[in-house]
Amino acid sequence: MENYLDLRQILGIIRKHIIFIIISFILCLIIAVGLEKFVITPQFTSTAQILVNQKKDTSVPGAAYQDQQADVQMISTYKDIITNQLVLKTASERLANPVKVIRSARKARYHVSANGHRHLIKASRPAVVKSTGTPYDVSVKQLQGAISVTNQQNSQVFALNVESDDPQKSAAIANTVAKVFKQKIRRIMSINNVTIVSEATPVKQKSFPKTSIVLLAGAVIGLLVGLGYAFIRELTDTTIKDDEFLTNELRLTNLGHIAEIRKIHGSHLANKHHGEHLKPNHRRV
């Protein structure tokens, strides 16, 4: 026996189970919203833009264009340096203790006289630092997972993107890593023309999950569950509902229809108790 459905049967199945399909659709939407609000941790992304432009001799004709193309190709190298432990370890330490040196420390100065005695000229002075923000305990491995570097084609500006569960934290990480990279790149590649084009700012709009995508996923899953249940229920139902199954599928001949026989109250045929008092040869068939 072949199991196939035409368009009329498909629409009939949908109409028959439309209530369950609607309930499944609404229920999955509610579950999707609940997961987004109470289970999935929202993520926020902040971006700092960096420009690295090496100063070179431009007196040679065409050298400026070649140097620009070389800078663009070097962005891949800058990406590797930014995500290297050399940069991220320092950034992690600064994030854990975000301070700014207001006045540097000074050692004590002495004068040694002819007889060997030391005389204090200037007393030592401790460094004066100022807290510049909220400390964040972020490991190097966590920084590597939170950072991504992107750039537009043929552009010397690349974006340092940081994603975390707090918008303030994302901005702090992006700005700290950008500043550390600016300092480290001078020693690594002798480049002293790194510019932070724009510092990262906290973005309160979450970048993950997208509400529209979550709702769409819930709606699609709800419809698939409802339709799947409806079609499986119909295809696995072996009950014979009409004579078309007998004639079309089993190739049997329809000899006619017998109407439903109901009991006639008060008759000897319907009254079993009364029939028991009749003699066997007087009972009607």
Protein backbone atom coordinates (compact mmCIF):
# COMPACT_ATOMS: atom_id res chain seq x y z
CA MET A 1 0.00 0.00 0.00
CA GLU A 2 1.41 3.37 -1.00
CA ASN A 3 1.33 6.22 1.45
CA TYR A 4 0.96 9.51 -0.34
CA LEU A 5 -1.11 12.61 0.21
CA ASP A 6 -2.52 15.02 -2.30
CA LEU A 7 -3.07 18.72 -1.67
CA ARG A 8 -6.68 18.21 -0.66
CA GLN A 9 -5.72 15.62 1.96
CA ILE A 10 -2.91 17.81 3.28
CA LEU A 11 -5.25 20.76 3.76
CA GLY A 12 -7.77 18.44 5.39
CA ILE A 13 -5.17 17.20 7.88
CA ILE A 14 -4.15 20.77 8.71
CA ARG A 15 -7.77 21.81 9.28
CA LYS A 16 -8.39 18.75 11.44
CA HIS A 17 -5.43 19.47 13.72
CA ILE A 18 -5.41 23.27 13.46
CA ILE A 19 -6.05 23.74 17.19
CA PHE A 20 -3.04 21.65 18.16
CA ILE A 21 -0.88 23.42 15.56
CA ILE A 22 -1.86 26.84 16.95
CA ILE A 23 -1.22 25.71 20.54
CA SER A 24 2.19 24.33 19.55
CA PHE A 25 3.02 27.58 17.73
CA ILE A 26 2.11 29.78 20.71
CA LEU A 27 3.77 27.49 23.26
CA CYS A 28 7.08 27.42 21.38
CA LEU A 29 7.01 31.21 21.07
CA ILE A 30 6.52 31.53 24.83
CA ILE A 31 9.39 29.09 25.47
CA ALA A 32 11.65 31.03 23.07
CA VAL A 33 10.91 34.32 24.83
CA GLY A 34 11.49 32.71 28.23
CA LEU A 35 14.85 31.31 27.13
CA GLU A 36 15.93 34.69 25.82
CA LYS A 37 14.88 36.57 28.96
CA PHE A 38 15.87 34.16 31.73
CA VAL A 39 18.29 31.51 30.40
CA ILE A 40 20.49 32.91 27.62
CA THR A 41 23.07 35.41 28.89
CA PRO A 42 22.95 38.56 26.72
CA GLN A 43 26.19 39.71 25.11
CA PHE A 44 27.22 43.30 24.36
CA THR A 45 29.82 44.38 21.80
CA SER A 46 32.02 47.47 21.87
CA THR A 47 34.44 48.51 19.14
CA ALA A 48 37.65 50.54 19.07
CA GLN A 49 39.10 51.61 15.72
CA ILE A 50 42.87 51.67 15.19
CA LEU A 51 44.96 53.13 12.36
CA VAL A 52 48.53 51.97 11.79
CA ASN A 53 50.38 54.09 9.25
CA GLN A 54 54.13 53.66 8.96
CA LYS A 55 56.04 56.80 8.07
CA LYS A 56 58.10 56.13 4.97
CA ASP A 57 59.92 57.98 2.26
CA THR A 58 57.42 59.27 -0.28
CA SER A 59 59.92 60.99 -2.57
CA VAL A 60 60.01 57.99 -4.90
CA PRO A 61 57.19 58.11 -7.51
CA GLY A 62 54.46 55.62 -6.65
CA ALA A 63 55.97 54.86 -3.26
CA ALA A 64 53.00 56.29 -1.35
CA TYR A 65 50.55 53.89 -3.00
CA GLN A 66 52.86 50.92 -2.50
CA ASP A 67 53.35 51.81 1.14
CA GLN A 68 49.60 52.08 1.63
CA GLN A 69 49.04 48.63 0.13
CA ALA A 70 51.80 47.26 2.33
CA ASP A 71 50.09 48.71 5.40
CA VAL A 72 46.81 47.08 4.39
CA GLN A 73 48.51 43.71 4.00
CA MET A 74 50.16 44.11 7.41
CA ILE A 75 46.78 44.23 9.16
CA SER A 76 46.77 40.42 9.35
CA THR A 77 50.02 40.66 11.30
CA TYR A 78 48.51 43.26 13.62
CA LYS A 79 45.58 40.92 14.28
CA ASP A 80 47.97 38.20 15.41
CA ILE A 81 49.87 40.62 17.64
CA ILE A 82 46.70 41.91 19.31
CA THR A 83 45.59 38.38 20.24
CA ASN A 84 49.09 37.40 21.36
CA GLN A 85 49.85 36.84 25.04
CA LEU A 86 52.44 39.62 24.92
CA VAL A 87 49.63 42.15 24.57
CA LEU A 88 46.81 40.37 26.36
CA LYS A 89 48.79 39.55 29.51
CA THR A 90 49.57 43.22 30.07
CA ALA A 91 45.97 44.14 29.25
CA SER A 92 44.69 41.57 31.75
CA GLU A 93 46.89 43.04 34.49
CA ARG A 94 45.74 46.58 33.76
CA LEU A 95 42.10 45.54 33.71
CA ALA A 96 42.50 43.96 37.14
CA ASN A 97 44.09 47.16 38.48
CA PRO A 98 42.99 50.12 36.34
CA VAL A 99 45.05 53.03 37.66
CA LYS A 100 46.65 56.15 36.22
CA VAL A 101 49.98 57.46 37.51
CA ILE A 102 49.49 61.05 38.63
CA ARG A 103 53.00 61.46 39.98
CA SER A 104 55.83 59.01 39.46
CA ALA A 105 57.90 57.64 42.33
CA ARG A 106 61.25 59.20 43.15
CA LYS A 107 64.24 57.66 44.86
CA ALA A 108 66.06 59.41 47.66
CA ARG A 109 69.21 61.31 46.71
CA TYR A 110 72.29 61.43 48.97
CA HIS A 111 75.57 63.26 48.98
CA VAL A 112 78.64 61.50 50.29
CA SER A 113 81.05 63.83 52.03
CA ALA A 114 84.82 63.51 52.11
CA ASN A 115 84.73 61.72 55.43
CA GLY A 116 82.34 59.10 54.03
CA HIS A 117 79.12 60.31 55.62
CA ARG A 118 75.95 60.33 53.55
CA HIS A 119 73.79 63.43 53.62
CA LEU A 120 70.21 63.37 52.38
CA ILE A 121 69.60 65.86 49.59
CA LYS A 122 66.12 64.85 48.43
CA ALA A 123 63.82 62.47 50.23
CA SER A 124 62.17 59.60 48.42
CA ARG A 125 58.67 60.11 47.12
CA PRO A 126 56.09 57.40 46.52
CA ALA A 127 54.12 57.25 43.33
CA VAL A 128 50.65 58.74 43.30
CA VAL A 129 48.09 56.80 41.32
CA LYS A 130 44.42 57.30 40.65
CA SER A 131 41.81 54.69 39.91
CA THR A 132 40.45 55.11 36.40
CA GLY A 133 37.57 52.66 36.37
CA THR A 134 36.02 49.44 37.57
CA PRO A 135 38.45 46.52 37.91
CA TYR A 136 37.68 43.42 35.85
CA ASP A 137 39.18 40.00 36.49
CA VAL A 138 39.68 38.70 32.95
CA SER A 139 42.23 36.04 32.07
CA VAL A 140 44.29 35.94 28.88
CA LYS A 141 42.25 32.99 27.61
CA GLN A 142 39.00 34.87 28.23
CA LEU A 143 40.36 37.89 26.39
CA GLN A 144 41.30 35.74 23.40
CA GLY A 145 37.76 34.39 23.26
CA ALA A 146 36.17 37.84 23.58
CA ILE A 147 38.29 39.70 21.01
CA SER A 148 37.84 39.75 17.24
CA VAL A 149 39.58 41.99 14.71
CA THR A 150 37.90 43.05 11.46
CA ASN A 151 38.66 45.51 8.70
CA GLN A 152 37.15 46.77 5.48
CA GLN A 153 38.79 45.86 2.20
CA ASN A 154 41.64 48.20 1.19
CA SER A 155 41.33 50.13 4.44
CA GLN A 156 44.16 50.90 6.84
CA VAL A 157 41.71 51.20 9.73
CA PHE A 158 40.80 48.00 11.54
CA ALA A 159 38.23 47.44 14.26
CA LEU A 160 38.93 45.82 17.61
CA ASN A 161 35.64 44.21 18.69
CA VAL A 162 35.05 42.91 22.21
CA GLU A 163 32.00 40.91 23.28
CA SER A 164 31.10 40.29 26.93
CA ASP A 165 28.10 40.09 29.25
CA ASP A 166 28.41 43.75 30.33
CA PRO A 167 28.55 46.82 28.05
CA GLN A 168 30.89 48.71 30.40
CA LYS A 169 33.21 45.72 30.56
CA SER A 170 33.31 45.37 26.76
CA ALA A 171 34.29 49.02 26.33
CA ALA A 172 36.95 48.82 29.05
CA ILE A 173 38.53 45.72 27.50
CA ALA A 174 38.56 47.20 23.99
CA ASN A 175 40.16 50.47 25.09
CA THR A 176 42.73 48.77 27.32
CA VAL A 177 43.82 46.29 24.65
CA ALA A 178 44.04 49.09 22.06
CA LYS A 179 46.29 51.18 24.33
CA VAL A 180 48.53 48.23 25.18
CA PHE A 181 48.82 47.34 21.50
CA LYS A 182 49.83 50.93 20.70
CA GLN A 183 52.65 50.70 23.25
CA LYS A 184 53.85 47.20 22.36
CA ILE A 185 53.88 47.65 18.59
CA ARG A 186 56.57 50.34 18.92
CA ARG A 187 59.02 47.83 20.38
CA ILE A 188 57.98 44.85 18.27
CA MET A 189 57.96 46.42 14.79
CA SER A 190 59.49 49.87 15.39
CA ILE A 191 56.22 51.55 14.42
CA ASN A 192 55.51 54.84 16.14
CA ASN A 193 52.52 56.02 14.16
CA VAL A 194 49.62 54.11 15.71
CA THR A 195 46.45 56.13 16.17
CA ILE A 196 43.34 55.11 18.07
CA VAL A 197 40.82 56.63 15.70
CA SER A 198 37.86 56.12 18.03
CA GLU A 199 37.71 54.69 21.52
CA ALA A 200 35.12 52.09 22.42
CA THR A 201 31.97 53.25 24.16
CA PRO A 202 29.44 51.13 26.08
CA VAL A 203 26.63 49.92 23.82
CA LYS A 204 23.56 48.94 25.83
CA GLN A 205 21.87 47.25 22.90
CA LYS A 206 22.70 43.55 23.08
CA SER A 207 24.45 41.95 20.15
CA PHE A 208 23.39 38.41 21.11
CA PRO A 209 20.85 36.92 21.07
CA LYS A 210 18.84 38.76 18.42
CA THR A 211 15.20 38.95 19.51
CA SER A 212 13.93 38.64 15.94
CA ILE A 213 15.98 35.49 15.33
CA VAL A 214 14.84 33.92 18.61
CA LEU A 215 11.17 34.61 17.81
CA LEU A 216 11.58 33.30 14.27
CA ALA A 217 13.22 30.12 15.54
CA GLY A 218 10.44 29.61 18.09
CA ALA A 219 7.75 30.13 15.45
CA VAL A 220 9.37 27.72 12.98
CA ILE A 221 9.90 25.04 15.63
CA GLY A 222 6.31 25.44 16.84
CA LEU A 223 4.91 25.00 13.32
CA LEU A 224 7.16 22.02 12.61
CA VAL A 225 6.14 20.31 15.85
CA GLY A 226 2.44 20.93 15.20
CA LEU A 227 2.53 19.85 11.56
CA GLY A 228 4.78 16.90 12.33
CA TYR A 229 2.40 15.62 14.98
CA ALA A 230 -0.60 16.07 12.68
CA PHE A 231 0.89 14.18 9.73
CA ILE A 232 2.42 11.41 11.84
CA ARG A 233 -0.90 10.95 13.60
CA GLU A 234 -2.73 10.63 10.29
CA LEU A 235 -0.18 8.44 8.52
CA THR A 236 0.02 5.98 11.42
CA ASP A 237 -3.76 5.79 11.86
CA THR A 238 -4.91 2.48 10.30
CA THR A 239 -8.59 3.00 11.06
CA ILE A 240 -10.85 2.56 7.98
CA LYS A 241 -12.98 5.67 7.81
CA ASP A 242 -14.80 5.24 4.46
CA ASP A 243 -15.33 2.78 1.64
CA GLU A 244 -12.91 4.59 -0.67
CA PHE A 245 -10.06 2.89 1.15
CA LEU A 246 -11.56 -0.53 0.39
CA THR A 247 -12.17 0.16 -3.29
CA ASN A 248 -9.08 2.27 -4.08
CA GLU A 249 -6.42 0.71 -1.89
CA LEU A 250 -7.55 -2.88 -1.38
CA ARG A 251 -9.24 -3.18 -4.80
CA LEU A 252 -12.41 -4.67 -3.32
CA THR A 253 -15.86 -4.42 -4.88
CA ASN A 254 -18.45 -2.36 -3.05
CA LEU A 255 -21.63 -4.46 -2.88
CA GLY A 256 -23.68 -1.84 -1.06
CA HIS A 257 -24.18 -0.05 2.24
CA ILE A 258 -25.95 -1.33 5.36
CA ALA A 259 -27.56 1.34 7.45
CA GLU A 260 -26.99 1.44 11.19
CA ILE A 261 -29.35 -0.92 13.05
CA ARG A 262 -30.69 0.46 16.29
CA LYS A 263 -32.56 -1.30 19.05
CA ILE A 264 -36.36 -1.02 19.00
CA HIS A 265 -37.49 -0.72 22.57
CA GLY A 266 -40.40 -2.97 23.49
CA SER A 267 -39.82 -5.56 20.78
CA HIS A 268 -39.04 -9.21 21.45
CA LEU A 269 -35.81 -8.88 19.46
CA ALA A 270 -34.46 -6.10 21.65
CA ASN A 271 -35.70 -7.42 24.95
CA LYS A 272 -33.37 -10.21 25.93
CA HIS A 273 -35.13 -10.83 29.19
CA HIS A 274 -38.45 -11.38 27.46
CA GLY A 275 -36.85 -13.65 24.86
CA GLU A 276 -35.53 -15.97 27.52
CA HIS A 277 -39.13 -16.95 28.44
CA LEU A 278 -39.94 -18.04 24.85
CA LYS A 279 -39.57 -21.61 23.87
CA PRO A 280 -36.62 -22.37 21.65
CA ASN A 281 -38.83 -23.30 18.70
CA HIS A 282 -40.85 -20.08 19.09
CA ARG A 283 -37.89 -17.68 19.11
CA ARG A 284 -37.58 -15.43 16.10
CA VAL A 285 -34.46 -15.06 14.12
